[in-house]
Amino acid sequence: MAATRKIDWTAAMHELRGSRTQRPAGFLAARGLIAATSAKRRPLVVAGTYDRAAIMSAAVAAAKVHQARTGSTWSEAMSVALKATWALAKAARASCAH
């Protein structure tokens, strides 16, 4: 006889859900704000390289807005804004490369 194996599907699905990456609160709003205002500022990617000063200034501006909207701490607001800004910069660099 073959050995039968029982799977606890509820526990397996909870484990899968827990392993997914979670977006921080306000991430999409911060990314939209940065994308909307990036036309007025310096580009995040210049000649295929990241402009770190432009990325930081865009993140600081987005963090100020995020903090005012949500009432979060400065470190939380900067964390969300930097993640959103780097995501946009990486996407811009990838689109320039192709």
Protein backbone atom coordinates (compact mmCIF):
# COMPACT_ATOMS: atom_id res chain seq x y z
CA MET A 1 0.00 0.00 0.00
CA ALA A 2 1.10 3.48 -0.78
CA ALA A 3 1.40 5.92 2.04
CA THR A 4 -1.17 8.71 1.88
CA ARG A 5 -0.25 12.24 2.67
CA LYS A 6 -2.72 14.73 4.08
CA ILE A 7 -2.36 18.41 3.31
CA ASP A 8 -3.88 21.08 5.48
CA TRP A 9 -5.01 23.46 2.73
CA THR A 10 -6.01 26.21 5.12
CA ALA A 11 -2.56 26.34 6.68
CA ALA A 12 -0.91 26.13 3.25
CA MET A 13 -2.93 29.05 1.90
CA HIS A 14 -2.23 31.15 5.01
CA GLU A 15 1.46 30.44 4.59
CA LEU A 16 1.34 31.50 0.93
CA ARG A 17 -0.51 34.69 1.77
CA GLY A 18 2.00 35.53 4.49
CA SER A 19 4.96 35.07 2.16
CA ARG A 20 3.72 37.61 -0.40
CA THR A 21 5.28 41.04 -0.27
CA GLN A 22 2.99 43.67 1.14
CA ARG A 23 2.92 47.20 -0.20
CA PRO A 24 3.18 49.84 2.49
CA ALA A 25 0.17 52.08 3.04
CA GLY A 26 0.23 55.05 0.69
CA PHE A 27 2.72 53.50 -1.74
CA LEU A 28 0.50 53.86 -4.79
CA ALA A 29 -0.50 57.41 -3.88
CA ALA A 30 3.14 58.40 -3.40
CA ARG A 31 4.11 56.81 -6.72
CA GLY A 32 1.29 58.69 -8.47
CA LEU A 33 2.35 61.97 -6.89
CA ILE A 34 5.97 61.48 -7.91
CA ALA A 35 4.99 60.52 -11.45
CA ALA A 36 2.73 63.56 -11.76
CA THR A 37 5.34 66.01 -10.51
CA SER A 38 8.39 64.46 -12.16
CA ALA A 39 7.73 66.39 -15.38
CA LYS A 40 8.34 69.63 -13.45
CA ARG A 41 11.55 68.34 -11.85
CA ARG A 42 14.76 66.86 -13.08
CA PRO A 43 14.48 63.41 -14.64
CA LEU A 44 15.26 60.47 -12.35
CA VAL A 45 17.39 58.75 -14.99
CA VAL A 46 19.95 60.61 -17.12
CA ALA A 47 21.81 58.79 -19.91
CA GLY A 48 21.00 55.40 -18.42
CA THR A 49 22.25 56.21 -14.91
CA TYR A 50 20.27 57.13 -11.82
CA ASP A 51 20.33 60.78 -10.78
CA ARG A 52 20.42 60.20 -7.03
CA ALA A 53 20.01 63.87 -6.15
CA ALA A 54 16.83 64.05 -8.25
CA ILE A 55 15.55 60.81 -6.69
CA MET A 56 16.16 62.13 -3.18
CA SER A 57 14.55 65.52 -3.83
CA ALA A 58 11.48 63.85 -5.38
CA ALA A 59 11.26 61.48 -2.40
CA VAL A 60 11.50 64.32 0.12
CA ALA A 61 8.71 66.26 -1.62
CA ALA A 62 6.52 63.15 -1.76
CA ALA A 63 7.26 62.33 1.89
CA LYS A 64 6.11 65.78 2.99
CA VAL A 65 2.80 65.31 1.18
CA HIS A 66 2.44 61.74 2.46
CA GLN A 67 3.11 62.81 6.04
CA ALA A 68 0.57 65.62 5.80
CA ARG A 69 -2.09 63.29 4.38
CA THR A 70 -1.60 60.34 6.72
CA GLY A 71 -0.10 61.86 9.85
CA SER A 72 2.65 59.24 9.84
CA THR A 73 6.14 59.71 11.22
CA TRP A 74 8.88 61.15 9.04
CA SER A 75 10.73 57.85 8.82
CA GLU A 76 7.59 56.00 7.66
CA ALA A 77 6.82 58.71 5.11
CA MET A 78 10.38 58.67 3.75
CA SER A 79 10.35 54.89 3.57
CA VAL A 80 7.20 54.87 1.45
CA ALA A 81 8.37 57.77 -0.71
CA LEU A 82 11.82 56.28 -1.36
CA LYS A 83 10.37 52.90 -2.29
CA ALA A 84 7.96 54.57 -4.70
CA THR A 85 10.63 56.84 -6.18
CA TRP A 86 13.09 54.01 -6.74
CA ALA A 87 10.36 51.92 -8.34
CA LEU A 88 9.67 54.74 -10.81
CA ALA A 89 13.39 55.28 -11.45
CA LYS A 90 13.94 51.58 -12.15
CA ALA A 91 10.98 51.55 -14.52
CA ALA A 92 12.29 54.66 -16.30
CA ARG A 93 15.75 53.15 -16.65
CA ALA A 94 14.29 49.92 -18.03
CA SER A 95 12.19 51.81 -20.57
CA CYS A 96 15.22 53.86 -21.68
CA ALA A 97 17.32 50.74 -22.15
CA HIS A 98 14.88 49.16 -24.57
